[in-house]
């Protein structure tokens, strides 16, 4: 077993989960600082129009990023189960296939986003005052798509193999670079949204290059030679089966929030900036639940691959409890001192007032999502991503989107009504997830269909 590999199917469940999840939580926290720092510095030095531009451009970029995160989540599941089952050949082929797929996809999406950026911005009704800023931000981040894909892929691979510490190291380096470049380009050279985008792309690129260099120096199972980048038919088929539902799920969730952004944009640049500020805080607030979900997926994947179903269930229950308690603390902050949170981003009384209304209602989603994500972690770890896709589509399209329109436009609830769309959709999804868990169908993993990969050398 290599230096990046750790067997999570043995030992104390609580200790294993916490030791694996803590670096993951810190890594996600640091990674979220990219966008938060962008928003704070842009808000402080460039004003509401630039804030709105960074938010809108970032929302579209996040939609594309969520596509790759979904494929990477599928890769984590396969890698974790192959690790648990001792399938070394399948493990190496899966890593090669995942990286090859993402390189090609990154090239295609870079070109596509560069060509379609203006129609996309018009589609989401970007305020005219913020259009130029959003256009600049989106163009620069589109050019860095490969770096964003690369870092997320390598992090997912290492986590699937039981290593959550090294991704923390590399994202920490990237964050320091990002903050320095934000202060230099935005605060000093007044490059506004363009400077924030350059800072994000450069920091991601440095993180990815350092990660590859470190892995090559330490005899990683994949050598990164050009000849190793190729497709393995069976691995690609399994990667698509497990990864595509998660990718589609992530994209649909992003689209539903883009719809919300589009509705709020019609109200003006102040409301758009308020939504952006709260969105950045939401990204931070949901981190514990997301990190615990991904940790549950990786750890339960290895346990299910090794035939340890009860350990997988215990992992889910413990991880969900930890995630809920951490989310509860953040919920209380959002309810008790929303003005102070929003004041971090900009000293704009109108923006803070609008953001406060939205945050007060949306923050209930932190609690519901922590429970939902815990169950989803178990389902993803067993490879049942088709259910999580179905659940997400149903709650997003049939509940989040209509509720946003009804609460924010039809009824006189304004930003408070827009915020209710989040917790309503999560509540529906949670009910369905509990029902699926009780059926026990998730216990049948989708990777080892014939059991012929166990013990493979």
Protein backbone atom coordinates (compact mmCIF):
# COMPACT_ATOMS: atom_id res chain seq x y z
CA UNK A 1 0.00 0.00 0.00
CA UNK A 2 1.52 3.34 -1.14
CA UNK A 3 2.04 6.54 0.82
CA UNK A 4 -1.24 7.95 -0.52
CA UNK A 5 -3.27 4.89 0.32
CA UNK A 6 -5.08 4.23 3.59
CA UNK A 7 -7.38 1.34 4.43
CA UNK A 8 -10.55 2.86 5.91
CA UNK A 9 -12.30 -0.49 6.34
CA UNK A 10 -10.41 -1.33 9.55
CA UNK A 11 -9.94 0.30 12.94
CA UNK A 12 -12.17 2.53 15.06
CA UNK A 13 -14.93 4.03 12.86
CA UNK A 14 -15.20 7.31 14.76
CA UNK A 15 -11.46 7.94 14.83
CA UNK A 16 -11.04 6.96 11.17
CA UNK A 17 -13.90 9.21 10.09
CA UNK A 18 -12.75 12.22 12.08
CA UNK A 19 -9.10 11.89 11.03
CA UNK A 20 -10.21 11.62 7.39
CA UNK A 21 -12.93 14.28 7.53
CA UNK A 22 -11.05 17.01 9.43
CA UNK A 23 -8.49 17.72 6.68
CA UNK A 24 -11.34 17.52 4.17
CA UNK A 25 -13.39 20.10 6.13
CA UNK A 26 -10.37 22.39 6.40
CA UNK A 27 -9.60 21.90 2.70
CA UNK A 28 -13.14 22.83 1.68
CA UNK A 29 -13.08 25.78 4.06
CA UNK A 30 -9.87 27.09 2.56
CA UNK A 31 -11.09 26.45 -0.99
CA UNK A 32 -14.25 28.44 -0.30
CA UNK A 33 -12.07 31.36 0.70
CA UNK A 34 -11.19 31.79 -2.99
CA UNK A 35 -14.62 33.16 -3.81
CA UNK A 36 -15.22 34.78 -0.43
CA UNK A 37 -11.97 36.75 -0.59
CA UNK A 38 -12.76 37.73 -4.19
CA UNK A 39 -16.15 39.07 -3.09
CA UNK A 40 -14.86 40.88 0.00
CA UNK A 41 -11.96 42.61 -1.75
CA UNK A 42 -14.01 43.45 -4.83
CA UNK A 43 -16.84 44.77 -2.63
CA UNK A 44 -14.50 46.88 -0.53
CA UNK A 45 -12.45 48.33 -3.38
CA UNK A 46 -14.65 48.17 -6.50
CA UNK A 47 -18.31 48.54 -5.47
CA UNK A 48 -21.65 46.79 -5.99
CA UNK A 49 -21.47 46.54 -9.80
CA UNK A 50 -18.22 44.59 -9.57
CA UNK A 51 -19.63 42.46 -6.74
CA UNK A 52 -22.61 41.61 -8.91
CA UNK A 53 -20.30 40.78 -11.83
CA UNK A 54 -18.17 38.43 -9.74
CA UNK A 55 -21.30 36.73 -8.35
CA UNK A 56 -22.96 36.20 -11.75
CA UNK A 57 -19.77 35.14 -13.54
CA UNK A 58 -18.93 32.88 -10.61
CA UNK A 59 -22.38 31.25 -10.69
CA UNK A 60 -21.90 30.25 -14.33
CA UNK A 61 -18.36 29.05 -13.67
CA UNK A 62 -19.64 27.04 -10.69
CA UNK A 63 -22.15 25.32 -12.96
CA UNK A 64 -19.27 24.05 -15.13
CA UNK A 65 -17.17 23.20 -12.08
CA UNK A 66 -20.03 21.15 -10.63
CA UNK A 67 -20.01 19.08 -13.81
CA UNK A 68 -16.46 17.92 -13.12
CA UNK A 69 -17.06 17.59 -9.38
CA UNK A 70 -19.82 15.11 -10.19
CA UNK A 71 -17.51 13.00 -12.37
CA UNK A 72 -14.83 13.23 -9.69
CA UNK A 73 -17.33 12.06 -7.07
CA UNK A 74 -18.03 9.05 -9.27
CA UNK A 75 -14.29 8.48 -9.54
CA UNK A 76 -13.93 8.67 -5.76
CA UNK A 77 -16.62 6.00 -5.36
CA UNK A 78 -15.00 3.62 -7.84
CA UNK A 79 -11.50 4.19 -6.47
CA UNK A 80 -12.68 3.69 -2.87
CA UNK A 81 -14.48 0.44 -3.70
CA UNK A 82 -11.54 -0.87 -5.75
CA UNK A 83 -9.25 0.01 -2.83
CA UNK A 84 -11.50 -1.84 -0.40
CA UNK A 85 -11.70 -4.83 -2.73
CA UNK A 86 -7.94 -4.95 -3.47
CA UNK A 87 -8.42 -4.35 -7.23
CA UNK A 88 -5.07 -2.70 -8.12
CA UNK A 89 -5.30 -2.98 -11.89
CA UNK A 90 -8.84 -1.61 -11.94
CA UNK A 91 -7.70 1.21 -9.63
CA UNK A 92 -4.91 2.34 -11.98
CA UNK A 93 -7.07 2.08 -15.09
CA UNK A 94 -9.86 4.07 -13.46
CA UNK A 95 -7.50 6.89 -12.52
CA UNK A 96 -6.10 7.04 -16.06
CA UNK A 97 -9.55 7.03 -17.62
CA UNK A 98 -10.85 9.73 -15.26
CA UNK A 99 -7.94 12.08 -15.94
CA UNK A 100 -8.12 11.53 -19.71
CA UNK A 101 -11.85 12.23 -19.73
CA UNK A 102 -11.44 15.44 -17.77
CA UNK A 103 -8.61 16.76 -19.95
CA UNK A 104 -10.70 16.38 -23.11
CA UNK A 105 -13.81 17.73 -21.42
CA UNK A 106 -11.85 20.71 -20.08
CA UNK A 107 -10.61 21.67 -23.56
CA UNK A 108 -14.12 21.46 -25.04
CA UNK A 109 -15.70 23.50 -22.23
CA UNK A 110 -12.96 26.15 -22.31
CA UNK A 111 -13.69 26.86 -25.97
CA UNK A 112 -17.46 26.61 -25.46
CA UNK A 113 -17.57 29.00 -22.50
CA UNK A 114 -15.33 31.55 -24.23
CA UNK A 115 -17.69 31.60 -27.22
CA UNK A 116 -20.97 31.52 -25.32
CA UNK A 117 -20.20 33.82 -22.40
CA UNK A 118 -22.24 36.84 -23.55
CA UNK A 119 -25.39 34.89 -24.49
CA UNK A 120 -25.18 33.13 -21.12
CA UNK A 121 -24.95 36.43 -19.27
CA UNK A 122 -27.94 37.80 -21.16
CA UNK A 123 -29.89 34.63 -20.46
CA UNK A 124 -29.57 35.15 -16.69
CA UNK A 125 -30.59 38.82 -17.12
CA UNK A 126 -27.32 40.30 -15.90
CA UNK A 127 -27.88 43.95 -14.86
CA UNK A 128 -26.41 46.35 -17.45
CA UNK A 129 -24.25 48.06 -14.81
CA UNK A 130 -22.59 44.73 -14.02
CA UNK A 131 -22.48 43.19 -17.51
CA UNK A 132 -18.93 44.21 -18.40
CA UNK A 133 -17.56 43.03 -15.05
CA UNK A 134 -19.36 39.68 -15.27
CA UNK A 135 -18.18 39.23 -18.87
CA UNK A 136 -14.54 39.80 -17.91
CA UNK A 137 -14.74 37.50 -14.91
CA UNK A 138 -16.36 34.70 -16.88
CA UNK A 139 -13.89 34.91 -19.77
CA UNK A 140 -10.82 34.69 -17.52
CA UNK A 141 -12.18 31.81 -15.43
CA UNK A 142 -13.14 29.98 -18.63
CA UNK A 143 -9.49 30.07 -19.68
CA UNK A 144 -8.59 28.38 -16.39
CA UNK A 145 -11.07 25.51 -16.73
CA UNK A 146 -8.36 22.86 -17.13
CA UNK A 147 -6.65 23.95 -13.91
CA UNK A 148 -9.93 23.87 -11.97
CA UNK A 149 -10.70 20.41 -13.38
CA UNK A 150 -7.19 19.13 -12.70
CA UNK A 151 -7.08 20.11 -9.06
CA UNK A 152 -10.53 18.72 -8.29
CA UNK A 153 -9.73 15.44 -10.07
CA UNK A 154 -6.44 14.85 -8.25
CA UNK A 155 -8.02 15.70 -4.90
CA UNK A 156 -10.89 13.27 -5.54
CA UNK A 157 -8.46 10.51 -6.52
CA UNK A 158 -6.36 10.90 -3.39
CA UNK A 159 -9.43 10.99 -1.16
CA UNK A 160 -10.78 7.83 -2.75
CA UNK A 161 -7.48 6.19 -1.82
CA UNK A 162 -7.88 7.33 1.79
CA UNK A 163 -5.68 10.45 1.72
CA UNK A 164 -7.33 13.74 2.69
CA UNK A 165 -4.23 15.47 4.06
CA UNK A 166 -2.29 16.23 0.89
CA UNK A 167 -5.25 17.95 -0.84
CA UNK A 168 -5.40 20.22 2.22
CA UNK A 169 -1.74 21.15 1.76
CA UNK A 170 -2.13 22.09 -1.88
CA UNK A 171 -5.33 24.06 -1.49
CA UNK A 172 -3.72 25.95 1.42
CA UNK A 173 -0.87 27.04 -0.84
CA UNK A 174 -3.35 28.09 -3.51
CA UNK A 175 -5.37 30.16 -1.04
CA UNK A 176 -2.34 32.15 0.10
CA UNK A 177 -1.48 32.91 -3.53
CA UNK A 178 -5.10 33.87 -4.24
CA UNK A 179 -5.29 36.36 -1.37
CA UNK A 180 -1.97 37.95 -2.32
CA UNK A 181 -3.00 38.34 -5.98
CA UNK A 182 -6.44 39.71 -5.01
CA UNK A 183 -4.83 42.42 -2.91
CA UNK A 184 -2.30 43.18 -5.64
CA UNK A 185 -4.58 43.15 -8.70
CA UNK A 186 -7.89 44.38 -7.26
CA UNK A 187 -6.92 46.60 -4.34
CA UNK A 188 -3.66 48.01 -5.74
CA UNK A 189 -4.05 47.96 -9.54
CA UNK A 190 -7.87 48.41 -9.55
CA UNK A 191 -8.47 45.56 -12.00
CA UNK A 192 -11.87 44.87 -10.40
CA UNK A 193 -13.58 41.59 -11.43
CA UNK A 194 -10.82 40.85 -13.97
CA UNK A 195 -8.21 40.92 -11.22
CA UNK A 196 -10.28 38.62 -9.02
CA UNK A 197 -10.63 36.12 -11.87
CA UNK A 198 -6.89 36.17 -12.65
CA UNK A 199 -6.09 35.60 -8.98
CA UNK A 200 -8.39 32.57 -8.82
CA UNK A 201 -7.11 30.95 -12.03
CA UNK A 202 -3.42 31.46 -11.23
CA UNK A 203 -3.79 30.06 -7.72
CA UNK A 204 -5.64 26.98 -9.02
CA UNK A 205 -2.96 26.44 -11.66
CA UNK A 206 -0.13 26.60 -9.12
CA UNK A 207 -1.99 24.19 -6.84
CA UNK A 208 -2.51 21.66 -9.63
CA UNK A 209 1.11 21.82 -10.85
CA UNK A 210 2.48 21.39 -7.33
CA UNK A 211 0.12 18.46 -6.76
CA UNK A 212 1.31 16.67 -9.93
CA UNK A 213 4.96 17.33 -9.12
CA UNK A 214 4.55 15.93 -5.61
CA UNK A 215 2.72 12.82 -6.79
CA UNK A 216 5.34 12.06 -9.46
CA UNK A 217 8.17 12.47 -6.96
CA UNK A 218 6.53 9.97 -4.63
CA UNK A 219 5.81 7.16 -7.12
CA UNK A 220 2.06 7.64 -7.38
CA UNK A 221 0.18 4.73 -8.98
CA UNK A 222 -0.43 6.91 -12.09
CA UNK A 223 2.79 8.24 -13.72
CA UNK A 224 1.31 11.18 -15.69
CA UNK A 225 3.25 10.18 -18.82
CA UNK A 226 1.50 11.10 -22.08
CA UNK A 227 1.10 7.43 -23.05
CA UNK A 228 -0.80 6.74 -19.81
CA UNK A 229 -3.60 9.14 -20.73
CA UNK A 230 -5.99 6.79 -22.46
CA UNK A 231 -9.47 5.31 -22.12
CA UNK A 232 -10.15 1.86 -20.72
CA UNK A 233 -13.55 0.84 -22.06
CA UNK A 234 -14.89 -0.96 -19.00
CA UNK A 235 -13.61 1.70 -16.59
CA UNK A 236 -15.08 4.46 -18.74
CA UNK A 237 -18.42 2.68 -18.82
CA UNK A 238 -18.46 2.32 -15.03
CA UNK A 239 -17.23 5.90 -14.50
CA UNK A 240 -20.05 7.21 -16.68
CA UNK A 241 -22.58 5.00 -14.91
CA UNK A 242 -21.63 6.28 -11.47
CA UNK A 243 -20.33 9.76 -12.28
CA UNK A 244 -22.77 11.14 -14.85
CA UNK A 245 -25.83 11.05 -12.53
CA UNK A 246 -23.89 13.06 -9.95
CA UNK A 247 -22.67 15.50 -12.62
CA UNK A 248 -26.18 15.98 -13.97
CA UNK A 249 -27.46 16.39 -10.42
CA UNK A 250 -24.89 19.09 -9.66
CA UNK A 251 -25.60 20.91 -12.91
CA UNK A 252 -29.36 20.87 -12.32
CA UNK A 253 -28.90 22.25 -8.81
CA UNK A 254 -26.67 25.00 -10.25
CA UNK A 255 -29.24 25.76 -12.94
CA UNK A 256 -31.97 26.08 -10.31
CA UNK A 257 -29.83 28.60 -8.43
CA UNK A 258 -29.07 30.39 -11.70
CA UNK A 259 -32.83 30.69 -12.17
CA UNK A 260 -33.02 32.26 -8.73
CA UNK A 261 -30.15 34.61 -9.67
CA UNK A 262 -31.98 35.55 -12.86
CA UNK A 263 -35.14 36.43 -10.94
CA UNK A 264 -33.25 38.52 -8.40
CA UNK A 265 -31.30 40.28 -11.17
CA UNK A 266 -34.58 41.76 -12.42
CA UNK A 267 -34.87 43.64 -9.11
CA UNK A 268 -31.62 45.57 -9.64
CA UNK A 269 -27.90 45.62 -8.92
CA UNK A 270 -28.34 46.08 -5.14
CA UNK A 271 -30.39 42.90 -4.77
CA UNK A 272 -28.02 41.08 -7.12
CA UNK A 273 -25.04 42.11 -4.99
CA UNK A 274 -26.93 41.06 -1.82
CA UNK A 275 -27.65 37.65 -3.31
CA UNK A 276 -23.98 37.33 -4.20
CA UNK A 277 -22.84 38.18 -0.68
CA UNK A 278 -25.24 35.69 0.92
CA UNK A 279 -24.29 33.08 -1.68
CA UNK A 280 -20.67 33.35 -0.61
CA UNK A 281 -21.65 32.89 3.02
CA UNK A 282 -23.89 29.98 2.02
CA UNK A 283 -20.91 28.39 0.31
CA UNK A 284 -19.06 28.57 3.61
CA UNK A 285 -22.07 27.52 5.70
CA UNK A 286 -22.70 24.32 3.77
CA UNK A 287 -19.05 23.21 3.92
CA UNK A 288 -19.31 20.97 7.01
CA UNK A 289 -22.23 19.05 5.48
CA UNK A 290 -20.50 18.75 2.09
CA UNK A 291 -17.21 17.65 3.63
CA UNK A 292 -18.89 15.06 5.84
CA UNK A 293 -20.91 13.79 2.89
CA UNK A 294 -17.80 13.32 0.75
CA UNK A 295 -15.97 11.71 3.69
CA UNK A 296 -18.88 9.34 4.25
CA UNK A 297 -18.85 8.48 0.53
CA UNK A 298 -15.12 7.69 0.49
CA UNK A 299 -15.08 5.77 3.76
CA UNK A 300 -18.33 3.86 3.18
CA UNK A 301 -17.17 3.09 -0.38
CA UNK A 302 -14.10 1.31 0.94
CA UNK A 303 -16.14 -0.49 3.59
CA UNK A 304 -18.80 -1.62 1.13
CA UNK A 305 -16.06 -2.75 -1.27
CA UNK A 306 -14.65 -4.85 1.57
CA UNK A 307 -18.10 -6.22 2.47
CA UNK A 308 -18.37 -4.22 5.72
CA UNK A 309 -21.94 -2.91 5.40
CA UNK A 310 -22.47 -2.24 9.12
CA UNK A 311 -19.31 -0.12 9.28
CA UNK A 312 -20.62 1.88 6.32
CA UNK A 313 -23.92 2.55 8.15
CA UNK A 314 -22.11 3.51 11.33
CA UNK A 315 -19.93 5.88 9.31
CA UNK A 316 -23.02 7.54 7.82
CA UNK A 317 -24.79 8.01 11.16
CA UNK A 318 -21.74 9.41 12.92
CA UNK A 319 -20.79 11.67 10.02
CA UNK A 320 -24.32 13.02 9.67
CA UNK A 321 -24.45 13.85 13.39
CA UNK A 322 -21.15 15.74 13.24
CA UNK A 323 -22.23 17.61 10.12
CA UNK A 324 -25.57 18.60 11.67
CA UNK A 325 -24.00 19.95 14.85
CA UNK A 326 -21.50 22.06 12.91
CA UNK A 327 -24.26 23.33 10.60
CA UNK A 328 -26.38 24.23 13.64
CA UNK A 329 -23.65 26.56 14.92
CA UNK A 330 -23.48 28.34 11.55
CA UNK A 331 -27.29 28.55 11.40
CA UNK A 332 -27.32 30.39 14.74
CA UNK A 333 -24.77 32.90 13.44
CA UNK A 334 -26.92 33.56 10.36
CA UNK A 335 -30.03 34.06 12.48
CA UNK A 336 -28.51 36.17 15.25
CA UNK A 337 -26.01 38.47 13.49
CA UNK A 338 -26.79 38.56 9.73
CA UNK A 339 -25.92 42.29 9.51
CA UNK A 340 -22.39 41.69 10.79
CA UNK A 341 -21.87 38.81 8.35
CA UNK A 342 -23.02 40.89 5.36
CA UNK A 343 -21.05 43.90 6.57
CA UNK A 344 -17.87 41.93 5.96
CA UNK A 345 -18.51 42.11 2.21
CA UNK A 346 -19.42 45.78 1.82
CA UNK A 347 -20.61 48.81 3.82
CA UNK A 348 -23.76 49.27 1.72
CA UNK A 349 -26.86 49.66 3.90
CA UNK A 350 -29.29 48.81 1.09
CA UNK A 351 -27.36 45.68 0.15
CA UNK A 352 -27.15 44.56 3.79
CA UNK A 353 -30.89 45.07 4.32
CA UNK A 354 -31.77 43.00 1.24
CA UNK A 355 -29.25 40.30 2.11
CA UNK A 356 -30.52 40.03 5.69
CA UNK A 357 -34.02 39.13 4.51
CA UNK A 358 -32.70 36.45 2.17
CA UNK A 359 -30.30 34.97 4.74
CA UNK A 360 -32.92 34.72 7.49
CA UNK A 361 -35.08 32.33 5.45
CA UNK A 362 -32.44 30.48 3.42
CA UNK A 363 -30.31 29.58 6.47
CA UNK A 364 -32.82 26.88 7.51
CA UNK A 365 -31.41 24.98 4.55
CA UNK A 366 -28.13 24.50 6.44
CA UNK A 367 -29.85 22.17 8.93
CA UNK A 368 -31.91 20.18 6.42
CA UNK A 369 -29.07 19.86 3.92
CA UNK A 370 -26.70 18.44 6.56
CA UNK A 371 -29.10 15.52 7.12
CA UNK A 372 -29.72 15.04 3.40
CA UNK A 373 -26.03 15.13 2.49
CA UNK A 374 -25.20 12.53 5.13
CA UNK A 375 -27.59 10.03 3.54
CA UNK A 376 -26.41 10.99 0.06
CA UNK A 377 -22.83 10.23 1.10
CA UNK A 378 -23.83 6.64 1.85
CA UNK A 379 -25.77 6.30 -1.41
CA UNK A 380 -22.88 7.72 -3.46
CA UNK A 381 -20.39 5.47 -1.65
CA UNK A 382 -22.42 2.44 -2.73
CA UNK A 383 -22.65 3.80 -6.28
CA UNK A 384 -26.39 4.55 -6.24
CA UNK A 385 -26.01 7.96 -7.82
CA UNK A 386 -29.08 7.48 -10.02
CA UNK A 387 -31.31 7.85 -6.96
CA UNK A 388 -29.52 11.00 -5.79
CA UNK A 389 -29.96 12.40 -9.32
CA UNK A 390 -33.69 11.63 -9.33
CA UNK A 391 -34.12 13.12 -5.89
CA UNK A 392 -32.22 16.28 -6.75
CA UNK A 393 -34.06 16.83 -10.03
CA UNK A 394 -37.42 16.38 -8.35
CA UNK A 395 -36.70 18.75 -5.47
CA UNK A 396 -34.93 21.38 -7.61
CA UNK A 397 -37.25 21.54 -10.59
CA UNK A 398 -40.60 20.84 -8.92
CA UNK A 399 -40.01 22.69 -5.66
CA UNK A 400 -36.99 25.07 -5.56
CA UNK A 401 -37.70 26.83 -8.87
CA UNK A 402 -41.49 27.26 -8.40
CA UNK A 403 -41.06 28.28 -4.75
CA UNK A 404 -38.51 30.95 -5.73
CA UNK A 405 -40.93 32.40 -8.25
CA UNK A 406 -43.97 32.23 -5.98
CA UNK A 407 -42.21 33.45 -2.84
CA UNK A 408 -40.18 36.19 -4.48
CA UNK A 409 -42.39 37.42 -7.34
CA UNK A 410 -46.02 36.34 -6.92
CA UNK A 411 -46.23 36.92 -3.16
CA UNK A 412 -45.04 40.20 -1.58
CA UNK A 413 -42.22 38.49 0.33
CA UNK A 414 -39.30 39.76 -1.76
CA UNK A 415 -35.85 38.48 -0.79
CA UNK A 416 -37.28 36.54 2.18
CA UNK A 417 -39.52 34.63 -0.26
CA UNK A 418 -36.60 33.87 -2.56
CA UNK A 419 -34.68 32.43 0.39
CA UNK A 420 -37.47 30.01 1.33
CA UNK A 421 -36.93 28.08 -1.90
CA UNK A 422 -33.80 26.41 -0.49
CA UNK A 423 -35.15 24.81 2.72
CA UNK A 424 -38.44 23.81 1.05
CA UNK A 425 -36.68 21.81 -1.67
CA UNK A 426 -34.23 20.25 0.81
CA UNK A 427 -37.09 19.13 3.07
CA UNK A 428 -38.77 17.30 0.19
CA UNK A 429 -35.48 15.69 -0.85
CA UNK A 430 -34.78 14.59 2.73
CA UNK A 431 -38.12 12.80 2.99
CA UNK A 432 -37.39 10.86 -0.21
CA UNK A 433 -33.84 10.02 0.92
CA UNK A 434 -35.08 8.60 4.23
CA UNK A 435 -37.57 6.47 2.31
CA UNK A 436 -34.85 5.11 0.00
CA UNK A 437 -32.60 4.33 2.97
CA UNK A 438 -35.34 2.29 4.63
CA UNK A 439 -35.79 0.15 1.50
CA UNK A 440 -32.21 -1.15 1.89
CA UNK A 441 -31.67 -1.15 -1.89
CA UNK A 442 -28.50 0.94 -1.47
CA UNK A 443 -26.77 -2.07 0.16
CA UNK A 444 -26.18 -3.65 -3.25
CA UNK A 445 -23.10 -1.89 -4.64
CA UNK A 446 -22.91 -1.20 -8.36
CA UNK A 447 -19.14 -1.64 -8.87
CA UNK A 448 -18.44 -5.29 -8.05
CA UNK A 449 -21.23 -6.69 -10.11
CA UNK A 450 -19.64 -10.12 -10.49
CA UNK A 451 -17.08 -10.00 -7.71
CA UNK A 452 -14.29 -10.87 -10.16
CA UNK A 453 -12.14 -7.85 -9.29
CA UNK A 454 -11.46 -8.73 -5.67
CA UNK A 455 -7.92 -9.68 -4.95
CA UNK A 456 -6.84 -8.55 -8.42
CA UNK A 457 -3.17 -7.78 -8.60
